[in-house]
């Protein structure tokens, strides 16, 4: 991909279920333009799966016990 890590991150977050809009903390016009440029960016499925895998929550105690309640 010929995009920046910022653009990948925003496109991935934008496409997560339940996300209405990612929150952007741009301090300059250049940063804002880079963030807005992801509107038409579509990430390949393999990249989305890889990001899903590395960002999956790790369930630790007591989370695993809560499913029995």
PDB file of N, CA and C in Angstrom:
ATOM      1  N   UNK A   1       0.834  -1.191   0.000  1.00  0.00           N
ATOM      2  CA  UNK A   1       0.000   0.000   0.000  1.00  0.00           C
ATOM      3  C   UNK A   1       0.871   1.244   0.000  1.00  0.00           C
ATOM      4  N   UNK A   2       0.436   2.207  -0.724  1.00  0.00           N
ATOM      5  CA  UNK A   2       1.171   3.468  -0.776  1.00  0.00           C
ATOM      6  C   UNK A   2       0.478   4.503   0.106  1.00  0.00           C
ATOM      7  N   UNK A   3       0.286   4.144   1.370  1.00  0.00           N
ATOM      8  CA  UNK A   3      -0.373   5.039   2.322  1.00  0.00           C
ATOM      9  C   UNK A   3       0.424   5.057   3.618  1.00  0.00           C
ATOM     10  N   UNK A   4       0.122   6.014   4.460  1.00  0.00           N
ATOM     11  CA  UNK A   4       0.842   6.155   5.726  1.00  0.00           C
ATOM     12  C   UNK A   4       0.206   5.275   6.805  1.00  0.00           C
ATOM     13  N   UNK A   5       0.945   5.020   7.883  1.00  0.00           N
ATOM     14  CA  UNK A   5       0.352   4.281   9.006  1.00  0.00           C
ATOM     15  C   UNK A   5      -0.909   4.968   9.547  1.00  0.00           C
ATOM     16  N   UNK A   6      -0.927   6.291   9.572  1.00  0.00           N
ATOM     17  CA  UNK A   6      -2.114   7.028  10.010  1.00  0.00           C
ATOM     18  C   UNK A   6      -3.320   6.662   9.156  1.00  0.00           C
ATOM     19  N   UNK A   7      -3.134   6.638   7.854  1.00  0.00           N
ATOM     20  CA  UNK A   7      -4.239   6.341   6.953  1.00  0.00           C
ATOM     21  C   UNK A   7      -4.730   4.902   7.118  1.00  0.00           C
ATOM     22  N   UNK A   8      -3.801   3.967   7.299  1.00  0.00           N
ATOM     23  CA  UNK A   8      -4.195   2.574   7.530  1.00  0.00           C
ATOM     24  C   UNK A   8      -4.992   2.474   8.827  1.00  0.00           C
ATOM     25  N   UNK A   9      -4.486   3.098   9.879  1.00  0.00           N
ATOM     26  CA  UNK A   9      -5.157   3.025  11.180  1.00  0.00           C
ATOM     27  C   UNK A   9      -6.558   3.627  11.123  1.00  0.00           C
ATOM     28  N   UNK A  10      -6.694   4.787  10.518  1.00  0.00           N
ATOM     29  CA  UNK A  10      -8.008   5.426  10.451  1.00  0.00           C
ATOM     30  C   UNK A  10      -8.985   4.633   9.592  1.00  0.00           C
ATOM     31  N   UNK A  11      -8.511   4.103   8.475  1.00  0.00           N
ATOM     32  CA  UNK A  11      -9.393   3.307   7.611  1.00  0.00           C
ATOM     33  C   UNK A  11      -9.838   2.043   8.325  1.00  0.00           C
ATOM     34  N   UNK A  12      -8.924   1.409   9.053  1.00  0.00           N
ATOM     35  CA  UNK A  12      -9.270   0.176   9.768  1.00  0.00           C
ATOM     36  C   UNK A  12     -10.268   0.460  10.888  1.00  0.00           C
ATOM     37  N   UNK A  13     -10.004   1.498  11.679  1.00  0.00           N
ATOM     38  CA  UNK A  13     -10.916   1.848  12.773  1.00  0.00           C
ATOM     39  C   UNK A  13     -12.281   2.247  12.214  1.00  0.00           C
ATOM     40  N   UNK A  14     -12.288   3.009  11.159  1.00  0.00           N
ATOM     41  CA  UNK A  14     -13.543   3.454  10.540  1.00  0.00           C
ATOM     42  C   UNK A  14     -14.428   2.275  10.133  1.00  0.00           C
ATOM     43  N   UNK A  15     -13.814   1.191   9.707  1.00  0.00           N
ATOM     44  CA  UNK A  15     -14.562   0.036   9.211  1.00  0.00           C
ATOM     45  C   UNK A  15     -14.917  -0.981  10.285  1.00  0.00           C
ATOM     46  N   UNK A  16     -14.583  -0.710  11.555  1.00  0.00           N
ATOM     47  CA  UNK A  16     -14.937  -1.635  12.642  1.00  0.00           C
ATOM     48  C   UNK A  16     -16.427  -1.547  12.921  1.00  0.00           C
ATOM     49  N   UNK A  17     -17.045  -2.682  13.221  1.00  0.00           N
ATOM     50  CA  UNK A  17     -18.467  -2.655  13.585  1.00  0.00           C
ATOM     51  C   UNK A  17     -18.695  -1.781  14.827  1.00  0.00           C
ATOM     52  N   UNK A  18     -19.721  -0.980  14.772  1.00  0.00           N
ATOM     53  CA  UNK A  18     -20.059  -0.134  15.908  1.00  0.00           C
ATOM     54  C   UNK A  18     -19.360   1.211  15.935  1.00  0.00           C
ATOM     55  N   UNK A  19     -18.414   1.432  15.031  1.00  0.00           N
ATOM     56  CA  UNK A  19     -17.708   2.714  14.993  1.00  0.00           C
ATOM     57  C   UNK A  19     -18.454   3.644  14.042  1.00  0.00           C
ATOM     58  N   UNK A  20     -18.906   4.762  14.574  1.00  0.00           N
ATOM     59  CA  UNK A  20     -19.596   5.744  13.749  1.00  0.00           C
ATOM     60  C   UNK A  20     -18.591   6.629  13.034  1.00  0.00           C
ATOM     61  N   UNK A  21     -17.587   7.088  13.776  1.00  0.00           N
ATOM     62  CA  UNK A  21     -16.540   7.925  13.199  1.00  0.00           C
ATOM     63  C   UNK A  21     -15.323   7.882  14.110  1.00  0.00           C
ATOM     64  N   UNK A  22     -14.133   7.662  13.533  1.00  0.00           N
ATOM     65  CA  UNK A  22     -12.926   7.715  14.359  1.00  0.00           C
ATOM     66  C   UNK A  22     -12.674   9.155  14.815  1.00  0.00           C
ATOM     67  N   UNK A  23     -12.115   9.287  15.988  1.00  0.00           N
ATOM     68  CA  UNK A  23     -11.780  10.614  16.509  1.00  0.00           C
ATOM     69  C   UNK A  23     -10.362  10.950  16.078  1.00  0.00           C
ATOM     70  N   UNK A  24     -10.217  12.100  15.459  1.00  0.00           N
ATOM     71  CA  UNK A  24      -8.929  12.522  14.921  1.00  0.00           C
ATOM     72  C   UNK A  24      -8.411  13.680  15.756  1.00  0.00           C
ATOM     73  N   UNK A  25      -7.137  13.620  16.125  1.00  0.00           N
ATOM     74  CA  UNK A  25      -6.523  14.688  16.911  1.00  0.00           C
ATOM     75  C   UNK A  25      -5.532  15.481  16.090  1.00  0.00           C
ATOM     76  N   UNK A  26      -5.974  15.994  14.955  1.00  0.00           N
ATOM     77  CA  UNK A  26      -5.082  16.754  14.083  1.00  0.00           C
ATOM     78  C   UNK A  26      -4.763  18.108  14.709  1.00  0.00           C
ATOM     79  N   UNK A  27      -3.477  18.480  14.651  1.00  0.00           N
ATOM     80  CA  UNK A  27      -3.059  19.783  15.173  1.00  0.00           C
ATOM     81  C   UNK A  27      -2.757  20.770  14.062  1.00  0.00           C
ATOM     82  N   UNK A  28      -2.563  20.255  12.848  1.00  0.00           N
ATOM     83  CA  UNK A  28      -2.237  21.136  11.725  1.00  0.00           C
ATOM     84  C   UNK A  28      -3.167  20.825  10.557  1.00  0.00           C
ATOM     85  N   UNK A  29      -3.225  21.745   9.617  1.00  0.00           N
ATOM     86  CA  UNK A  29      -4.041  21.532   8.416  1.00  0.00           C
ATOM     87  C   UNK A  29      -3.525  20.333   7.630  1.00  0.00           C
ATOM     88  N   UNK A  30      -2.222  20.133   7.608  1.00  0.00           N
ATOM     89  CA  UNK A  30      -1.635  18.998   6.891  1.00  0.00           C
ATOM     90  C   UNK A  30      -2.078  17.674   7.524  1.00  0.00           C
ATOM     91  N   UNK A  31      -2.084  17.607   8.840  1.00  0.00           N
ATOM     92  CA  UNK A  31      -2.539  16.393   9.520  1.00  0.00           C
ATOM     93  C   UNK A  31      -4.025  16.149   9.260  1.00  0.00           C
ATOM     94  N   UNK A  32      -4.814  17.196   9.256  1.00  0.00           N
ATOM     95  CA  UNK A  32      -6.242  17.059   8.984  1.00  0.00           C
ATOM     96  C   UNK A  32      -6.478  16.558   7.564  1.00  0.00           C
ATOM     97  N   UNK A  33      -5.757  17.092   6.608  1.00  0.00           N
ATOM     98  CA  UNK A  33      -5.908  16.648   5.217  1.00  0.00           C
ATOM     99  C   UNK A  33      -5.517  15.182   5.068  1.00  0.00           C
ATOM    100  N   UNK A  34      -4.464  14.755   5.761  1.00  0.00           N
ATOM    101  CA  UNK A  34      -4.055  13.346   5.713  1.00  0.00           C
ATOM    102  C   UNK A  34      -5.138  12.459   6.307  1.00  0.00           C
ATOM    103  N   UNK A  35      -5.749  12.906   7.391  1.00  0.00           N
ATOM    104  CA  UNK A  35      -6.812  12.124   8.026  1.00  0.00           C
ATOM    105  C   UNK A  35      -8.045  12.049   7.135  1.00  0.00           C
ATOM    106  N   UNK A  36      -8.398  13.136   6.510  1.00  0.00           N
ATOM    107  CA  UNK A  36      -9.583  13.153   5.648  1.00  0.00           C
ATOM    108  C   UNK A  36      -9.378  12.370   4.357  1.00  0.00           C
ATOM    109  N   UNK A  37      -8.137  12.133   3.981  1.00  0.00           N
ATOM    110  CA  UNK A  37      -7.862  11.424   2.726  1.00  0.00           C
ATOM    111  C   UNK A  37      -8.236   9.948   2.783  1.00  0.00           C
ATOM    112  N   UNK A  38      -8.584   9.432   3.944  1.00  0.00           N
ATOM    113  CA  UNK A  38      -8.931   8.005   4.052  1.00  0.00           C
ATOM    114  C   UNK A  38     -10.382   7.729   3.667  1.00  0.00           C
ATOM    115  N   UNK A  39     -11.130   8.757   3.343  1.00  0.00           N
ATOM    116  CA  UNK A  39     -12.550   8.572   3.022  1.00  0.00           C
ATOM    117  C   UNK A  39     -12.761   7.519   1.940  1.00  0.00           C
ATOM    118  N   UNK A  40     -11.928   7.513   0.925  1.00  0.00           N
ATOM    119  CA  UNK A  40     -12.109   6.563  -0.179  1.00  0.00           C
ATOM    120  C   UNK A  40     -11.152   5.370  -0.101  1.00  0.00           C
ATOM    121  N   UNK A  41     -10.359   5.292   0.964  1.00  0.00           N
ATOM    122  CA  UNK A  41      -9.391   4.202   1.105  1.00  0.00           C
ATOM    123  C   UNK A  41     -10.095   2.923   1.536  1.00  0.00           C
ATOM    124  N   UNK A  42      -9.829   1.856   0.813  1.00  0.00           N
ATOM    125  CA  UNK A  42     -10.377   0.545   1.157  1.00  0.00           C
ATOM    126  C   UNK A  42      -9.201  -0.395   1.389  1.00  0.00           C
ATOM    127  N   UNK A  43      -9.108  -0.949   2.586  1.00  0.00           N
ATOM    128  CA  UNK A  43      -8.002  -1.847   2.917  1.00  0.00           C
ATOM    129  C   UNK A  43      -8.296  -3.252   2.412  1.00  0.00           C
ATOM    130  N   UNK A  44      -7.269  -3.946   1.908  1.00  0.00           N
ATOM    131  CA  UNK A  44      -7.453  -5.342   1.495  1.00  0.00           C
ATOM    132  C   UNK A  44      -7.839  -6.214   2.694  1.00  0.00           C
ATOM    133  N   UNK A  45      -8.601  -7.262   2.425  1.00  0.00           N
ATOM    134  CA  UNK A  45      -9.065  -8.159   3.491  1.00  0.00           C
ATOM    135  C   UNK A  45      -7.921  -8.735   4.314  1.00  0.00           C
ATOM    136  N   UNK A  46      -6.803  -9.081   3.664  1.00  0.00           N
ATOM    137  CA  UNK A  46      -5.694  -9.690   4.403  1.00  0.00           C
ATOM    138  C   UNK A  46      -5.092  -8.724   5.418  1.00  0.00           C
ATOM    139  N   UNK A  47      -5.061  -7.452   5.091  1.00  0.00           N
ATOM    140  CA  UNK A  47      -4.544  -6.459   6.035  1.00  0.00           C
ATOM    141  C   UNK A  47      -5.528  -6.275   7.187  1.00  0.00           C
ATOM    142  N   UNK A  48      -6.812  -6.230   6.883  1.00  0.00           N
ATOM    143  CA  UNK A  48      -7.822  -6.113   7.949  1.00  0.00           C
ATOM    144  C   UNK A  48      -7.759  -7.307   8.888  1.00  0.00           C
ATOM    145  N   UNK A  49      -7.613  -8.510   8.336  1.00  0.00           N
ATOM    146  CA  UNK A  49      -7.518  -9.703   9.185  1.00  0.00           C
ATOM    147  C   UNK A  49      -6.276  -9.652  10.063  1.00  0.00           C
ATOM    148  N   UNK A  50      -5.156  -9.220   9.500  1.00  0.00           N
ATOM    149  CA  UNK A  50      -3.916  -9.130  10.280  1.00  0.00           C
ATOM    150  C   UNK A  50      -4.068  -8.116  11.417  1.00  0.00           C
ATOM    151  N   UNK A  51      -4.683  -6.983  11.138  1.00  0.00           N
ATOM    152  CA  UNK A  51      -4.901  -5.977  12.181  1.00  0.00           C
ATOM    153  C   UNK A  51      -5.890  -6.476  13.228  1.00  0.00           C
ATOM    154  N   UNK A  52      -6.912  -7.202  12.794  1.00  0.00           N
ATOM    155  CA  UNK A  52      -7.857  -7.799  13.749  1.00  0.00           C
ATOM    156  C   UNK A  52      -7.134  -8.772  14.674  1.00  0.00           C
ATOM    157  N   UNK A  53      -6.247  -9.587  14.104  1.00  0.00           N
ATOM    158  CA  UNK A  53      -5.530 -10.593  14.897  1.00  0.00           C
ATOM    159  C   UNK A  53      -4.622  -9.958  15.947  1.00  0.00           C
ATOM    160  N   UNK A  54      -3.862  -8.945  15.548  1.00  0.00           N
ATOM    161  CA  UNK A  54      -2.912  -8.353  16.497  1.00  0.00           C
ATOM    162  C   UNK A  54      -3.585  -7.439  17.515  1.00  0.00           C
ATOM    163  N   UNK A  55      -4.818  -7.042  17.252  1.00  0.00           N
ATOM    164  CA  UNK A  55      -5.501  -6.150  18.193  1.00  0.00           C
ATOM    165  C   UNK A  55      -6.595  -6.848  18.993  1.00  0.00           C
ATOM    166  N   UNK A  56      -6.720  -8.150  18.829  1.00  0.00           N
ATOM    167  CA  UNK A  56      -7.748  -8.889  19.572  1.00  0.00           C
ATOM    168  C   UNK A  56      -7.472  -8.779  21.066  1.00  0.00           C
ATOM    169  N   UNK A  57      -8.510  -8.525  21.856  1.00  0.00           N
ATOM    170  CA  UNK A  57      -8.297  -8.391  23.303  1.00  0.00           C
ATOM    171  C   UNK A  57      -7.868  -9.712  23.926  1.00  0.00           C
ATOM    172  N   UNK A  58      -7.007  -9.605  24.914  1.00  0.00           N
ATOM    173  CA  UNK A  58      -6.569 -10.777  25.667  1.00  0.00           C
ATOM    174  C   UNK A  58      -7.441 -10.839  26.910  1.00  0.00           C
ATOM    175  N   UNK A  59      -8.140 -11.941  27.073  1.00  0.00           N
ATOM    176  CA  UNK A  59      -9.019 -12.077  28.235  1.00  0.00           C
ATOM    177  C   UNK A  59      -8.220 -12.617  29.406  1.00  0.00           C
ATOM    178  N   UNK A  60      -8.236 -11.872  30.462  1.00  0.00           N
ATOM    179  CA  UNK A  60      -7.533 -12.259  31.674  1.00  0.00           C
ATOM    180  C   UNK A  60      -8.538 -12.359  32.807  1.00  0.00           C
ATOM    181  N   UNK A  61      -8.106 -12.951  33.885  1.00  0.00           N
ATOM    182  CA  UNK A  61      -8.947 -13.071  35.066  1.00  0.00           C
ATOM    183  C   UNK A  61      -9.456 -11.690  35.459  1.00  0.00           C
ATOM    184  N   UNK A  62     -10.663 -11.488  35.793  1.00  0.00           N
ATOM    185  CA  UNK A  62     -11.755 -12.452  35.938  1.00  0.00           C
ATOM    186  C   UNK A  62     -12.631 -12.564  34.699  1.00  0.00           C
ATOM    187  N   UNK A  63     -12.197 -11.986  33.564  1.00  0.00           N
ATOM    188  CA  UNK A  63     -13.044 -11.984  32.367  1.00  0.00           C
ATOM    189  C   UNK A  63     -13.549 -13.367  31.985  1.00  0.00           C
ATOM    190  N   UNK A  64     -12.674 -14.358  32.044  1.00  0.00           N
ATOM    191  CA  UNK A  64     -13.096 -15.682  31.583  1.00  0.00           C
ATOM    192  C   UNK A  64     -14.154 -16.292  32.496  1.00  0.00           C
ATOM    193  N   UNK A  65     -14.205 -15.863  33.754  1.00  0.00           N
ATOM    194  CA  UNK A  65     -15.212 -16.378  34.680  1.00  0.00           C
ATOM    195  C   UNK A  65     -16.562 -15.687  34.518  1.00  0.00           C
ATOM    196  N   UNK A  66     -16.585 -14.507  33.945  1.00  0.00           N
ATOM    197  CA  UNK A  66     -17.827 -13.757  33.815  1.00  0.00           C
ATOM    198  C   UNK A  66     -18.797 -14.418  32.847  1.00  0.00           C
ATOM    199  N   UNK A  67     -18.298 -15.232  31.949  1.00  0.00           N
ATOM    200  CA  UNK A  67     -19.192 -15.882  30.991  1.00  0.00           C
ATOM    201  C   UNK A  67     -20.077 -16.920  31.663  1.00  0.00           C
ATOM    202  N   UNK A  68     -19.744 -17.320  32.884  1.00  0.00           N
ATOM    203  CA  UNK A  68     -20.545 -18.325  33.588  1.00  0.00           C
ATOM    204  C   UNK A  68     -21.652 -17.700  34.420  1.00  0.00           C
ATOM    205  N   UNK A  69     -21.680 -16.371  34.490  1.00  0.00           N
ATOM    206  CA  UNK A  69     -22.707 -15.700  35.303  1.00  0.00           C
ATOM    207  C   UNK A  69     -24.021 -15.623  34.576  1.00  0.00           C
TER     208      UNK A  69
END
